[in-house]
């Protein structure tokens, strides 16, 4: 069985831990690829900074602060 994935530009990704580390790096790469993003993290200031980085790369971004 073969798996066929749509291009990231045709997807919405939900990323947890998006305010730092691998979550933030993944968000930036997905933004560069044109994905729509829903970013979730505990730290609102860091989450907002990550979202702004992704928006600067052209992504549509929603954020969710939560624990």
Protein backbone atom coordinates (compact mmCIF):
# COMPACT_ATOMS: atom_id res chain seq x y z
CA UNK A 1 0.00 0.00 0.00
CA UNK A 2 1.38 3.40 -0.92
CA UNK A 3 0.70 6.59 0.98
CA UNK A 4 0.04 9.77 -0.94
CA UNK A 5 0.32 13.02 1.00
CA UNK A 6 -0.94 16.38 -0.13
CA UNK A 7 1.62 19.20 -0.40
CA UNK A 8 2.01 21.24 2.79
CA UNK A 9 0.60 24.25 0.95
CA UNK A 10 -2.71 22.36 0.81
CA UNK A 11 -2.78 21.48 4.51
CA UNK A 12 -3.47 22.96 7.92
CA UNK A 13 -1.00 21.79 10.56
CA UNK A 14 -1.64 21.82 14.30
CA UNK A 15 1.63 22.05 16.21
CA UNK A 16 2.00 21.80 19.97
CA UNK A 17 5.05 23.14 21.76
CA UNK A 18 5.31 25.71 18.99
CA UNK A 19 6.91 28.46 21.08
CA UNK A 20 10.39 26.91 21.21
CA UNK A 21 12.73 24.16 20.09
CA UNK A 22 11.69 21.64 17.48
CA UNK A 23 8.05 22.81 17.56
CA UNK A 24 9.06 26.34 16.62
CA UNK A 25 11.51 25.13 13.98
CA UNK A 26 8.83 22.87 12.49
CA UNK A 27 6.39 25.79 12.43
CA UNK A 28 8.88 27.96 10.54
CA UNK A 29 9.60 25.24 7.97
CA UNK A 30 5.88 24.57 7.48
CA UNK A 31 5.31 28.31 7.04
CA UNK A 32 8.02 28.44 4.37
CA UNK A 33 6.27 25.56 2.61
CA UNK A 34 2.96 27.47 2.60
CA UNK A 35 1.00 25.51 5.20
CA UNK A 36 -1.76 27.09 7.26
CA UNK A 37 -0.84 26.79 10.94
CA UNK A 38 -2.51 26.39 14.31
CA UNK A 39 0.20 26.89 16.93
CA UNK A 40 -0.28 25.84 20.55
CA UNK A 41 1.97 26.48 23.56
CA UNK A 42 1.91 27.49 27.22
CA UNK A 43 3.83 30.77 26.97
CA UNK A 44 1.72 33.47 25.31
CA UNK A 45 4.61 35.91 24.65
CA UNK A 46 6.78 33.20 23.06
CA UNK A 47 3.81 31.81 21.15
CA UNK A 48 3.02 35.26 19.75
CA UNK A 49 6.65 35.71 18.71
CA UNK A 50 6.64 32.34 16.92
CA UNK A 51 3.35 33.19 15.21
CA UNK A 52 4.73 36.52 14.02
CA UNK A 53 7.81 34.77 12.59
CA UNK A 54 5.55 32.42 10.65
CA UNK A 55 3.32 35.25 9.44
CA UNK A 56 6.43 37.08 8.20
CA UNK A 57 7.13 33.97 6.11
CA UNK A 58 3.64 34.26 4.58
CA UNK A 59 1.67 31.75 6.66
CA UNK A 60 -1.89 32.12 7.91
CA UNK A 61 -1.57 31.48 11.65
CA UNK A 62 -3.95 30.95 14.56
CA UNK A 63 -2.67 30.53 18.12
CA UNK A 64 -3.95 28.64 21.15
CA UNK A 65 -2.47 29.19 24.60
CA UNK A 66 -2.94 26.21 26.84
CA UNK A 67 -1.40 23.82 29.30
